[in-house]
Protein backbone atom coordinates (compact mmCIF):
# COMPACT_ATOMS: atom_id res chain seq x y z
CA MET A 1 149.53 65.14 75.26
CA LYS A 2 152.13 67.89 75.32
CA LYS A 3 152.79 69.80 78.51
CA SER A 4 151.66 73.03 76.90
CA ALA A 5 148.30 71.44 76.05
CA TRP A 6 147.78 70.42 79.69
CA ILE A 7 148.58 73.96 80.77
CA TRP A 8 146.01 75.36 78.37
CA LEU A 9 143.38 72.87 79.57
CA ALA A 10 144.08 73.75 83.21
CA ALA A 11 143.88 77.46 82.40
CA ALA A 12 140.57 76.95 80.59
CA ALA A 13 139.14 75.01 83.55
CA LEU A 14 140.17 77.76 85.96
CA ALA A 15 138.61 80.36 83.68
CA VAL A 16 135.31 78.46 83.67
CA GLN A 17 135.37 78.19 87.48
CA ALA A 18 136.16 81.90 87.82
CA ALA A 19 133.33 82.79 85.45
CA GLY A 20 130.93 80.60 87.45
CA LEU A 21 132.01 82.17 90.73
CA GLY A 22 131.68 85.63 89.22
CA TRP A 23 128.16 84.83 88.08
CA LEU A 24 127.18 83.62 91.57
CA ILE A 25 128.58 86.78 93.16
CA ALA A 26 126.79 88.99 90.64
CA ARG A 27 123.53 87.11 91.22
CA TYR A 28 123.90 87.46 94.99
CA GLU A 29 124.58 91.20 94.78
CA ARG A 30 121.63 91.71 92.43
CA VAL A 31 119.20 89.95 94.74
CA VAL A 32 120.58 91.74 97.82
CA THR A 33 120.36 95.14 96.13
CA LYS A 34 116.93 94.80 94.55
CA GLY A 35 115.25 92.25 96.80
CA THR A 36 112.60 92.46 99.51
CA GLU A 37 113.73 91.71 103.05
CA VAL A 38 112.18 88.50 104.40
CA ARG A 39 112.65 87.39 108.00
CA ILE A 40 112.08 83.76 109.01
CA PRO A 41 112.47 82.13 112.45
CA CYS A 42 115.39 79.70 112.50
CA GLY A 43 117.76 77.45 114.39
CA ALA A 44 121.40 76.82 113.42
CA PHE A 45 124.45 74.62 113.79
CA ASP A 46 128.02 74.97 112.54
CA PRO A 47 129.37 72.32 110.13
CA VAL A 48 132.36 72.53 107.81
CA ASP A 49 132.04 72.70 104.02
CA VAL A 50 135.34 71.25 102.79
CA LEU A 51 134.94 72.96 99.42
CA ARG A 52 133.91 76.45 100.48
CA GLY A 53 135.12 76.95 104.01
CA ARG A 54 133.36 77.69 107.27
CA TYR A 55 129.76 78.80 107.62
CA LEU A 56 126.85 78.97 109.99
CA HIS A 57 124.21 76.57 108.69
CA VAL A 58 120.74 77.95 109.29
CA ASN A 59 117.65 75.77 109.48
CA ALA A 60 114.86 78.08 108.36
CA GLY A 61 111.49 76.73 107.33
CA LEU A 62 107.78 77.48 107.37
CA GLU A 63 104.63 75.37 107.49
CA CYS A 64 100.96 75.94 106.73
CA ARG A 65 97.77 74.03 106.04
CA ASP A 66 97.45 73.58 102.29
CA ASP A 67 94.68 71.30 101.07
CA GLU A 68 95.16 72.46 97.47
CA ALA A 69 98.73 71.16 97.50
CA GLY A 70 97.46 67.97 99.10
CA ALA A 71 95.14 67.43 96.17
CA LEU A 72 98.13 67.69 93.82
CA VAL A 73 100.25 65.06 95.59
CA LYS A 74 97.53 62.67 96.74
CA GLY A 75 98.10 59.22 95.30
CA LEU A 76 101.59 59.95 94.00
CA SER A 77 104.57 57.71 94.67
CA TRP A 78 107.43 59.10 96.79
CA HIS A 79 109.46 59.75 93.66
CA GLU A 80 106.58 61.52 91.89
CA HIS A 81 105.92 63.51 95.06
CA ALA A 82 109.57 64.65 95.23
CA VAL A 83 109.67 65.59 91.55
CA LEU A 84 106.47 67.63 91.84
CA CYS A 85 107.58 69.39 95.03
CA ARG A 86 110.84 70.50 93.40
CA LYS A 87 108.71 72.51 90.97
CA MET A 88 106.69 74.24 93.69
CA ARG A 89 106.78 77.96 94.37
CA ALA A 90 105.90 79.35 97.80
CA LYS A 91 103.82 82.44 98.49
CA LEU A 92 104.97 84.41 101.55
CA GLU A 93 103.47 87.37 103.35
CA PRO A 94 104.55 89.40 106.39
CA GLU A 95 103.09 88.69 109.78
CA LYS A 96 101.92 91.44 112.07
CA ASN A 97 104.44 91.07 114.86
CA GLU A 98 107.38 92.93 116.39
CA ALA A 99 109.95 90.56 114.90
CA GLY A 100 108.78 91.34 111.38
CA THR A 101 108.75 87.67 110.39
CA TRP A 102 106.94 86.25 107.38
CA ARG A 103 104.56 83.32 107.04
CA LEU A 104 103.84 80.73 104.38
CA VAL A 105 100.48 81.22 102.67
CA ARG A 106 100.53 78.28 100.24
CA VAL A 107 102.48 76.64 97.43
CA ALA A 108 101.66 76.24 93.75
CA LEU A 109 103.30 75.00 90.57
CA GLU A 110 103.01 78.48 89.08
CA PRO A 111 102.71 81.84 90.88
CA ASP A 112 99.17 83.14 90.54
CA GLY A 113 98.09 86.55 91.69
CA GLU A 114 100.04 89.24 93.49
CA GLY A 115 102.36 88.78 96.43
CA LEU A 116 105.87 87.52 97.05
CA TRP A 117 106.51 84.15 95.39
CA VAL A 118 109.84 82.40 95.92
CA LYS A 119 111.52 79.12 95.06
CA PRO A 120 112.15 77.22 98.32
CA SER A 121 115.19 75.01 98.82
CA ASN A 122 112.93 72.09 99.62
CA CYS A 123 109.24 71.37 99.90
CA PHE A 124 107.14 68.54 101.34
CA VAL A 125 103.38 68.06 101.52
CA ARG A 126 102.11 65.64 104.15
CA GLY A 127 98.66 64.37 105.10
CA GLU A 128 97.78 64.65 108.76
CA ARG A 129 94.49 62.74 108.38
CA ALA A 130 94.80 61.17 104.94
CA ASP A 131 92.66 58.21 106.03
CA GLN A 132 89.82 60.34 107.34
CA GLU A 133 87.34 62.88 106.05
CA PRO A 134 87.91 65.73 105.73
CA GLU A 135 91.59 65.27 104.93
CA ILE A 136 94.09 67.74 106.37
CA TRP A 137 97.27 68.51 104.41
CA ASN A 138 100.24 70.57 105.58
CA THR A 139 103.01 71.99 103.44
CA LEU A 140 106.54 72.44 104.79
CA VAL A 141 109.15 74.49 102.93
CA GLY A 142 112.80 75.22 103.66
CA PHE A 143 115.04 78.08 102.54
CA PRO A 144 118.75 78.63 101.70
CA GLY A 145 120.80 78.05 104.82
CA LYS A 146 124.51 78.74 104.38
CA LEU A 147 125.69 82.00 105.93
CA PHE A 148 129.41 82.10 105.13
CA MET A 149 131.81 83.85 107.45
CA ASP A 150 135.34 83.71 108.82
CA GLU A 151 136.17 80.34 110.39
CA GLN A 152 136.85 81.71 113.87
CA LEU A 153 133.79 83.92 113.67
CA ALA A 154 131.65 80.93 112.68
CA LYS A 155 132.90 78.99 115.70
CA ALA A 156 132.02 81.89 117.96
CA ALA A 157 128.62 82.22 116.27
CA ASP A 158 127.97 78.56 116.97
CA ARG A 159 128.72 79.10 120.66
CA VAL A 160 126.44 82.15 120.68
CA PHE A 161 123.62 80.02 119.29
CA ALA A 162 124.24 77.25 121.80
CA ARG A 163 123.69 79.56 124.77
CA ARG A 164 121.18 81.98 123.27
CA GLU A 165 118.03 82.84 125.17
CA GLY A 166 116.34 85.03 122.59
CA GLU A 167 114.63 84.20 119.32
CA ALA A 168 116.76 83.70 116.21
CA VAL A 169 115.67 85.04 112.83
CA ALA A 170 117.25 84.39 109.42
CA VAL A 171 117.31 87.51 107.26
CA TYR A 172 116.87 87.02 103.51
CA ARG A 173 116.50 89.09 100.39
CA ALA A 174 114.03 87.87 97.76
CA TRP A 175 113.83 89.03 94.15
CA LYS A 176 112.20 87.44 91.11
CA GLY A 177 111.72 84.15 92.92
CA GLU A 178 115.30 83.88 94.20
CA MET A 179 116.29 84.09 97.86
CA VAL A 180 119.68 84.67 99.46
CA ILE A 181 120.54 84.76 103.13
CA THR A 182 122.28 87.93 104.32
CA ASP A 183 122.34 87.63 108.09
CA VAL A 184 121.01 85.92 111.20
CA GLU A 185 119.76 87.95 114.15
CA ILE A 186 119.20 87.09 117.79
CA ASP A 187 116.85 89.51 119.50
CA GLY A 188 117.44 91.97 116.67
CA VAL A 189 121.27 91.88 116.82
CA SER A 190 123.39 90.41 114.02
CA VAL A 191 124.96 87.06 114.91
CA LYS A 192 128.19 88.33 113.36
CA GLU A 193 128.28 91.21 115.82
CA LEU A 194 127.41 88.90 118.72
CA ALA A 195 130.18 86.52 117.63
CA ARG A 196 132.70 89.41 117.50
CA ARG A 197 131.70 90.42 121.02
CA ALA A 198 132.03 86.83 122.22
CA ARG A 199 135.50 86.49 120.72
CA ALA A 200 136.60 89.77 122.25
CA ALA A 201 135.31 88.66 125.68
CA GLU A 202 137.11 85.31 125.36
CA LYS A 203 140.38 87.02 124.47
CA ALA A 204 139.96 89.38 127.40
CA GLY A 205 139.35 86.38 129.67
CA THR A 206 135.88 87.45 130.74
């Protein structure tokens, strides 16, 4: 193949990647602008994504009793269970507390009725007393967990989490079933701001 052909192929590949990145950014901005704020208790650790840089990885999930979901997965193989759970949608509603966190109401294959329905990152339905009557089934769901930030800021954020005393909350925006993470707060203060303070204190030697 001629050199010019390789150049054109490389240019086309870059154009496709740029278009994909542009679409992701546009989707993120749309959800952030139009979405409902959802706050979920979380924990976090700080790995490295070799493809996309540094981020704070948030572990945010909710659990509730859900016998209806149990009836759907009962008797399925692990593979069938996993396939079905990937299709689940989760209904969330706000709790009445000072932190403004939300709780999981139930999951279903299709949203039914009013309320906030979202697509979780992962879902699992487990039987607590599957060999007894009445059976008890719990549903666990997880949510998007990569909060990207500057590498040094992410390292500082990780240290902030390691020595935190307050409760951590992941802040999301949800719109038309999609969820994106916008921040993490500790006792109501952004982890990014706490990380900046920590870095400033370290530089000052305090």
